[in-house]
Amino acid sequence: MEFLLDYGLFLAKIVTVLAAIVALIVVAKSVGGRTGSAKGELEITNLTEQRKQTVEQLEHHLHDDAFIKARDKAEKKAEKEKAKLREKEIKKASKGGDLDSKREPHLFVLDFVGSIDAKEVASLREEVSAILAVARVGDEVLVRLESGGGMVHAYGLASSQLDRIKGANLPLTIAVDKVAASGGYMMACIADKIVSAPFAVVGSIGVIAQLPNFNKLLKKNDIEFEQLTAGEYKRTLTMFGENTDKARDKFKEELEETHGLFKDFIRDHRPALELEKVATGEHWFGTQAKALGLVDDIQTSDDVVTAACKEKTVLSIRYVQKKKLSDKFAGAAGQAADNVLMKWISRGQRPIV
């Protein structure tokens, strides 16, 4: 009897703890819903200074104290001379009212790792806006791009964000270390220069849409599905209804139209490409892509950054969105499940590039 009483008390404690956790999650979600999206902030890393510190750290293990002292002395002397020259330039520029234009040139580095719905464009927008607010003649932008593509409208917006950089007359380089395919290549073709690692995946200039159809399964289990629309082509293919040849033909027509727009977009930005040869939906490795004109040079993003550090101040710009309270408590499992479901549903009517 005493055992049962203890066991009952134990279960009551467990239930109480679980109820408290659930209540906390509900409150957190409610607070998160009322406050909306949490504001983010820019994280700026000086890659030039970071590289300099790395080299100095290694040299301490490669050379003796006499060498290190001589090097430090020479560097201090060079820095003093550079500072004096810089001071003269600033004084001269200040008299002419052109002070800001005399600052040292910068390379701004952005990272874009795109998902199917390209939700990362929200951060890209903030990063581009920040750069455009401070950029001057002599500055450049490097985007380290990694994406296998996704929804047409989403990657169209991501491409438009990069086009803002071009519109401001800032030289733009896209570096592809792993993959820039389909919607990823849509973004890449905006650049003045595309560089690629030798085995990076590039291309896939095509359009795809796919969805499961459960109509036969529903009929087998005597489950009826009803769908009401206004407009002949408001819905063509469906996951639960019976698809017709007419609906398939219409949807295929829409895919071809989207592919045509995709090709026109690339033709506008890389007119030298033989589109009939490369716009087949195929992808190529970096060295093959260079031979086809899809990329301009075989390099990694590290090569570009290292070279730039010798003559520019290289800054990595990253916009980080703060997590809402609801995200911290509720976790990502439920949200991930919702995202997967929504992606499957949207794929039925939203082509993927």
Protein backbone atom coordinates (compact mmCIF):
# COMPACT_ATOMS: atom_id res chain seq x y z
CA MET A 1 0.00 0.00 0.00
CA GLU A 2 2.82 2.37 0.89
CA PHE A 3 4.48 1.51 -2.44
CA LEU A 4 1.35 2.43 -4.36
CA LEU A 5 1.08 5.71 -2.48
CA ASP A 6 4.71 6.61 -3.27
CA TYR A 7 4.22 5.58 -6.88
CA GLY A 8 1.10 7.74 -7.12
CA LEU A 9 2.93 10.74 -5.69
CA PHE A 10 5.77 10.17 -8.16
CA LEU A 11 3.35 10.12 -11.10
CA ALA A 12 1.66 13.27 -9.79
CA LYS A 13 5.03 15.06 -9.72
CA ILE A 14 5.77 13.97 -13.29
CA VAL A 15 2.38 15.17 -14.51
CA THR A 16 2.82 18.48 -12.66
CA VAL A 17 6.25 19.06 -14.26
CA LEU A 18 4.94 18.22 -17.73
CA ALA A 19 1.95 20.50 -17.26
CA ALA A 20 4.25 23.33 -16.17
CA ILE A 21 6.45 22.82 -19.24
CA VAL A 22 3.43 22.81 -21.57
CA ALA A 23 2.06 25.95 -19.91
CA LEU A 24 5.44 27.66 -20.31
CA ILE A 25 5.55 26.76 -24.01
CA VAL A 26 2.02 28.08 -24.55
CA VAL A 27 2.85 31.35 -22.79
CA ALA A 28 6.09 31.69 -24.76
CA LYS A 29 4.30 31.14 -28.05
CA SER A 30 1.64 33.67 -27.07
CA VAL A 31 4.27 36.28 -26.20
CA GLY A 32 6.19 35.54 -29.40
CA GLY A 33 3.04 35.88 -31.48
CA ARG A 34 2.19 39.27 -29.99
CA THR A 35 5.68 40.73 -30.30
CA GLY A 36 6.23 39.55 -33.87
CA SER A 37 9.67 38.93 -35.31
CA ALA A 38 12.60 39.73 -33.08
CA LYS A 39 14.95 42.38 -34.39
CA GLY A 40 18.42 41.31 -35.41
CA GLU A 41 21.84 42.91 -35.53
CA LEU A 42 24.90 43.08 -37.76
CA GLU A 43 27.96 41.00 -36.92
CA ILE A 44 31.12 42.42 -38.52
CA THR A 45 34.40 40.51 -38.67
CA ASN A 46 37.62 42.09 -39.96
CA LEU A 47 39.03 39.27 -42.09
CA THR A 48 42.16 41.28 -42.94
CA GLU A 49 43.04 41.63 -39.27
CA GLN A 50 42.10 38.01 -38.62
CA ARG A 51 44.45 36.82 -41.37
CA LYS A 52 47.24 39.06 -40.08
CA GLN A 53 46.92 37.59 -36.59
CA THR A 54 47.00 34.05 -37.98
CA VAL A 55 50.20 34.74 -39.92
CA GLU A 56 51.85 36.36 -36.90
CA GLN A 57 50.90 33.41 -34.69
CA LEU A 58 52.45 30.94 -37.13
CA GLU A 59 55.60 33.01 -37.56
CA HIS A 60 56.21 32.86 -33.81
CA HIS A 61 56.62 29.11 -34.27
CA LEU A 62 58.69 29.37 -37.44
CA HIS A 63 61.29 31.99 -36.51
CA ASP A 64 63.53 32.89 -33.58
CA ASP A 65 63.15 35.93 -31.31
CA ALA A 66 65.68 37.99 -33.29
CA PHE A 67 63.61 37.62 -36.45
CA ILE A 68 60.35 38.44 -34.66
CA LYS A 69 61.84 41.61 -33.11
CA ALA A 70 63.24 42.76 -36.47
CA ARG A 71 59.90 42.08 -38.16
CA ASP A 72 57.90 43.93 -35.50
CA LYS A 73 60.28 46.90 -35.74
CA ALA A 74 59.96 47.03 -39.52
CA GLU A 75 56.16 46.76 -39.32
CA LYS A 76 55.92 49.58 -36.78
CA LYS A 77 58.07 51.80 -38.98
CA ALA A 78 55.96 51.03 -42.03
CA GLU A 79 52.74 51.67 -40.09
CA LYS A 80 54.05 55.06 -38.89
CA GLU A 81 54.95 56.10 -42.43
CA LYS A 82 51.58 54.92 -43.68
CA ALA A 83 49.80 56.82 -40.88
CA LYS A 84 51.68 60.05 -41.73
CA LEU A 85 50.82 59.72 -45.41
CA ARG A 86 47.22 58.96 -44.51
CA GLU A 87 47.06 62.02 -42.27
CA LYS A 88 48.27 64.25 -45.10
CA GLU A 89 45.65 62.80 -47.45
CA ILE A 90 42.90 63.38 -44.89
CA LYS A 91 43.94 66.98 -44.28
CA LYS A 92 44.04 67.66 -48.00
CA ALA A 93 40.66 66.02 -48.54
CA SER A 94 39.09 67.91 -45.63
CA LYS A 95 40.00 71.23 -47.23
CA GLY A 96 38.24 70.22 -50.41
CA GLY A 97 35.20 68.85 -48.56
CA ASP A 98 35.80 65.37 -49.94
CA LEU A 99 36.91 63.63 -46.75
CA ASP A 100 34.80 60.46 -46.87
CA SER A 101 35.94 59.50 -50.37
CA LYS A 102 39.54 59.22 -49.17
CA ARG A 103 38.99 56.26 -46.85
CA GLU A 104 40.70 52.98 -47.70
CA PRO A 105 38.85 50.66 -50.11
CA HIS A 106 36.93 47.73 -48.61
CA LEU A 107 35.78 44.32 -49.75
CA PHE A 108 32.49 43.41 -48.09
CA VAL A 109 31.93 39.65 -47.80
CA LEU A 110 28.45 38.15 -47.53
CA ASP A 111 27.45 34.50 -47.07
CA PHE A 112 24.25 33.11 -48.56
CA VAL A 113 23.38 29.47 -47.89
CA GLY A 114 19.95 29.12 -49.44
CA SER A 115 17.09 26.80 -48.50
CA ILE A 116 14.19 25.78 -50.74
CA ASP A 117 12.09 28.80 -49.78
CA ALA A 118 15.15 31.11 -49.65
CA LYS A 119 14.08 32.47 -46.26
CA GLU A 120 17.68 33.66 -45.87
CA VAL A 121 16.79 36.57 -48.17
CA ALA A 122 15.51 38.42 -45.09
CA SER A 123 19.07 38.64 -43.73
CA LEU A 124 20.51 39.29 -47.20
CA ARG A 125 18.24 42.32 -47.56
CA GLU A 126 19.58 43.82 -44.31
CA GLU A 127 23.20 43.09 -45.23
CA VAL A 128 22.88 44.66 -48.68
CA SER A 129 21.12 47.73 -47.27
CA ALA A 130 23.89 48.20 -44.70
CA ILE A 131 26.62 47.99 -47.35
CA LEU A 132 24.89 50.39 -49.72
CA ALA A 133 24.58 52.91 -46.89
CA VAL A 134 28.38 53.13 -46.45
CA ALA A 135 29.95 51.95 -49.72
CA ARG A 136 32.17 54.32 -51.66
CA VAL A 137 34.11 54.28 -54.94
CA GLY A 138 36.78 51.57 -54.78
CA ASP A 139 34.73 49.22 -52.60
CA GLU A 140 33.67 45.77 -53.82
CA VAL A 141 31.33 42.98 -52.69
CA LEU A 142 31.97 39.25 -52.56
CA VAL A 143 29.09 36.82 -51.99
CA ARG A 144 29.99 33.28 -50.96
CA LEU A 145 26.99 31.49 -52.43
CA GLU A 146 25.75 27.98 -51.70
CA SER A 147 22.35 26.86 -52.96
CA GLY A 148 20.77 24.08 -54.94
CA GLY A 149 17.79 26.27 -55.81
CA GLY A 150 14.17 26.45 -54.69
CA MET A 151 10.94 28.37 -55.21
CA VAL A 152 10.92 30.67 -58.23
CA HIS A 153 9.47 33.75 -56.53
CA ALA A 154 11.81 33.39 -53.54
CA TYR A 155 14.99 33.14 -55.59
CA GLY A 156 13.75 35.90 -57.85
CA LEU A 157 13.69 38.17 -54.81
CA ALA A 158 17.13 36.97 -53.68
CA SER A 159 18.49 37.80 -57.14
CA SER A 160 16.90 41.23 -56.96
CA GLN A 161 18.74 41.91 -53.70
CA LEU A 162 22.06 41.22 -55.43
CA ASP A 163 20.97 43.39 -58.34
CA ARG A 164 20.75 46.30 -55.89
CA ILE A 165 24.53 46.00 -55.50
CA LYS A 166 25.00 46.19 -59.25
CA GLY A 167 22.61 49.13 -59.41
CA ALA A 168 24.89 51.01 -56.99
CA ASN A 169 27.85 50.43 -59.37
CA LEU A 170 29.70 48.25 -56.87
CA PRO A 171 31.74 45.44 -58.46
CA LEU A 172 30.14 42.14 -57.44
CA THR A 173 31.87 38.75 -57.35
CA ILE A 174 30.08 35.48 -56.63
CA ALA A 175 32.18 32.61 -55.28
CA VAL A 176 30.80 29.08 -55.54
CA ASP A 177 32.69 26.63 -53.33
CA LYS A 178 30.11 23.83 -53.33
CA VAL A 179 26.95 24.41 -55.36
CA ALA A 180 25.08 27.13 -57.25
CA ALA A 181 22.43 25.27 -59.19
CA SER A 182 19.05 26.28 -60.59
CA GLY A 183 17.85 29.17 -58.37
CA GLY A 184 21.38 29.38 -57.00
CA TYR A 185 22.72 29.99 -60.50
CA MET A 186 19.92 32.53 -61.05
CA MET A 187 21.53 34.50 -58.23
CA ALA A 188 25.09 33.89 -59.42
CA CYS A 189 24.52 35.18 -62.95
CA ILE A 190 23.87 38.67 -61.53
CA ALA A 191 27.59 39.03 -60.70
CA ASP A 192 30.25 40.83 -62.70
CA LYS A 193 32.43 37.79 -62.09
CA ILE A 194 31.65 34.22 -61.03
CA VAL A 195 34.44 32.08 -59.58
CA SER A 196 34.04 28.41 -58.80
CA ALA A 197 35.94 25.65 -57.05
CA PRO A 198 37.00 22.88 -59.48
CA PHE A 199 34.34 20.41 -58.34
CA ALA A 200 31.57 22.81 -57.36
CA VAL A 201 28.19 21.96 -58.92
CA VAL A 202 26.99 24.67 -61.32
CA GLY A 203 24.07 25.02 -63.73
CA SER A 204 20.80 23.07 -63.63
CA ILE A 205 19.01 25.77 -65.62
CA GLY A 206 15.62 24.14 -65.61
CA VAL A 207 12.28 24.03 -63.80
CA ILE A 208 10.66 21.20 -61.88
CA ALA A 209 7.43 20.60 -59.95
CA GLN A 210 6.44 17.38 -58.24
CA LEU A 211 3.81 16.22 -55.79
CA PRO A 212 2.28 12.95 -54.60
CA ASN A 213 -1.33 12.11 -55.47
CA PHE A 214 -3.40 10.22 -52.90
CA ASN A 215 -6.62 10.04 -54.91
CA LYS A 216 -6.56 6.25 -55.44
CA LEU A 217 -5.80 5.68 -51.77
CA LEU A 218 -8.74 7.87 -50.75
CA LYS A 219 -11.10 6.05 -53.14
CA LYS A 220 -9.92 2.67 -51.83
CA ASN A 221 -10.91 3.75 -48.32
CA ASP A 222 -14.21 5.34 -49.43
CA ILE A 223 -13.00 8.85 -48.59
CA GLU A 224 -14.40 11.66 -50.70
CA PHE A 225 -12.39 14.79 -51.48
CA GLU A 226 -14.04 18.01 -52.54
CA GLN A 227 -12.36 21.10 -53.92
CA LEU A 228 -14.20 24.23 -55.01
CA THR A 229 -12.60 26.87 -57.23
CA ALA A 230 -13.63 29.95 -59.15
CA GLY A 231 -11.65 30.27 -62.36
CA GLU A 232 -10.85 27.40 -64.74
CA TYR A 233 -7.19 27.20 -63.83
CA LYS A 234 -7.24 28.34 -60.21
CA ARG A 235 -6.00 24.83 -59.41
CA THR A 236 -4.52 22.44 -61.98
CA LEU A 237 -2.75 19.46 -60.39
CA THR A 238 -3.86 18.44 -56.92
CA MET A 239 -2.62 16.07 -54.20
CA PHE A 240 -6.01 14.60 -53.29
CA GLY A 241 -8.30 14.99 -56.29
CA GLU A 242 -8.22 13.14 -59.61
CA ASN A 243 -5.80 14.85 -62.01
CA THR A 244 -6.81 15.21 -65.65
CA ASP A 245 -4.78 15.37 -68.85
CA LYS A 246 -6.05 18.91 -69.38
CA ALA A 247 -4.72 19.94 -65.97
CA ARG A 248 -1.36 18.27 -66.69
CA ASP A 249 -1.05 20.02 -70.05
CA LYS A 250 -1.83 23.39 -68.49
CA PHE A 251 0.67 22.88 -65.71
CA LYS A 252 3.35 21.76 -68.19
CA GLU A 253 2.64 24.91 -70.20
CA GLU A 254 3.22 27.01 -67.07
CA LEU A 255 6.51 25.19 -66.42
CA GLU A 256 7.68 25.94 -69.96
CA GLU A 257 6.76 29.62 -69.52
CA THR A 258 8.73 29.77 -66.27
CA HIS A 259 11.70 28.10 -67.97
CA GLY A 260 11.52 30.69 -70.73
CA LEU A 261 11.61 33.53 -68.19
CA PHE A 262 14.53 31.84 -66.43
CA LYS A 263 16.49 31.66 -69.70
CA ASP A 264 15.68 35.27 -70.58
CA PHE A 265 16.94 36.35 -67.16
CA ILE A 266 20.26 34.57 -67.64
CA ARG A 267 20.58 35.85 -71.22
CA ASP A 268 20.26 39.44 -69.95
CA HIS A 269 23.08 39.00 -67.43
CA ARG A 270 25.40 36.61 -69.33
CA PRO A 271 24.71 37.28 -73.01
CA ALA A 272 27.74 35.30 -74.20
CA LEU A 273 26.29 32.00 -72.98
CA GLU A 274 25.02 29.46 -75.52
CA LEU A 275 21.70 29.00 -73.74
CA GLU A 276 20.42 26.18 -75.92
CA LYS A 277 23.48 24.22 -74.87
CA VAL A 278 23.41 24.91 -71.13
CA ALA A 279 19.70 25.50 -70.35
CA THR A 280 18.82 21.81 -70.46
CA GLY A 281 18.48 21.25 -66.73
CA GLU A 282 21.92 19.58 -66.59
CA HIS A 283 24.59 20.53 -64.07
CA TRP A 284 28.36 20.57 -64.43
CA PHE A 285 31.43 20.65 -62.21
CA GLY A 286 33.42 23.86 -61.96
CA THR A 287 36.06 23.13 -64.61
CA GLN A 288 33.37 22.01 -67.08
CA ALA A 289 31.27 25.07 -66.23
CA LYS A 290 34.22 27.35 -67.04
CA ALA A 291 34.63 25.75 -70.46
CA LEU A 292 30.92 26.36 -71.11
CA GLY A 293 31.09 29.98 -69.95
CA LEU A 294 28.89 29.47 -66.88
CA VAL A 295 31.70 30.71 -64.63
CA ASP A 296 34.66 33.00 -65.29
CA ASP A 297 37.48 31.54 -63.23
CA ILE A 298 38.46 28.51 -61.17
CA GLN A 299 39.10 29.75 -57.64
CA THR A 300 37.80 29.22 -54.15
CA SER A 301 36.38 32.03 -52.05
CA ASP A 302 39.50 31.72 -49.87
CA ASP A 303 41.68 32.65 -52.85
CA VAL A 304 39.59 35.78 -53.46
CA VAL A 305 39.65 36.85 -49.80
CA THR A 306 43.40 36.21 -49.41
CA ALA A 307 44.25 38.28 -52.48
CA ALA A 308 41.97 41.11 -51.36
CA CYS A 309 43.54 41.24 -47.88
CA LYS A 310 46.79 42.46 -49.45
CA GLU A 311 45.24 45.68 -50.79
CA LYS A 312 41.88 46.17 -49.08
CA THR A 313 40.24 45.96 -45.71
CA VAL A 314 38.07 42.86 -45.92
CA LEU A 315 34.96 42.84 -43.73
CA SER A 316 32.56 39.94 -43.29
CA ILE A 317 29.01 41.25 -42.84
CA ARG A 318 26.38 39.00 -41.28
CA TYR A 319 22.89 39.94 -40.15
CA VAL A 320 21.77 37.73 -37.28
CA GLN A 321 18.14 37.62 -36.25
CA LYS A 322 17.55 37.19 -32.53
CA LYS A 323 15.39 34.20 -31.67
CA LYS A 324 11.98 34.87 -30.22
CA LEU A 325 11.19 33.55 -26.75
CA SER A 326 8.76 31.05 -28.26
CA ASP A 327 11.52 29.57 -30.45
CA LYS A 328 13.84 29.12 -27.50
CA PHE A 329 11.28 27.24 -25.40
CA ALA A 330 9.29 25.38 -28.00
CA GLY A 331 12.24 24.16 -30.03
CA ALA A 332 12.40 23.58 -33.76
CA ALA A 333 10.82 20.11 -34.16
CA GLY A 334 7.21 21.24 -34.57
CA GLN A 335 8.17 24.13 -36.81
CA ALA A 336 10.27 21.83 -38.98
CA ALA A 337 7.32 19.46 -39.42
CA ASP A 338 5.06 22.36 -40.41
CA ASN A 339 7.65 23.61 -42.90
CA VAL A 340 7.96 20.18 -44.52
CA LEU A 341 4.18 19.89 -44.89
CA MET A 342 3.84 23.40 -46.32
CA LYS A 343 6.65 22.79 -48.77
CA TRP A 344 4.97 19.64 -50.10
CA ILE A 345 1.66 21.46 -50.46
CA SER A 346 3.21 24.51 -52.16
CA ARG A 347 5.28 22.38 -54.52
CA GLY A 348 2.10 21.34 -56.24
CA GLN A 349 1.53 24.81 -57.68
CA ARG A 350 4.89 26.53 -57.22
CA PRO A 351 7.64 25.41 -59.60
CA ILE A 352 11.16 24.90 -58.28
CA VAL A 353 14.21 26.35 -60.04
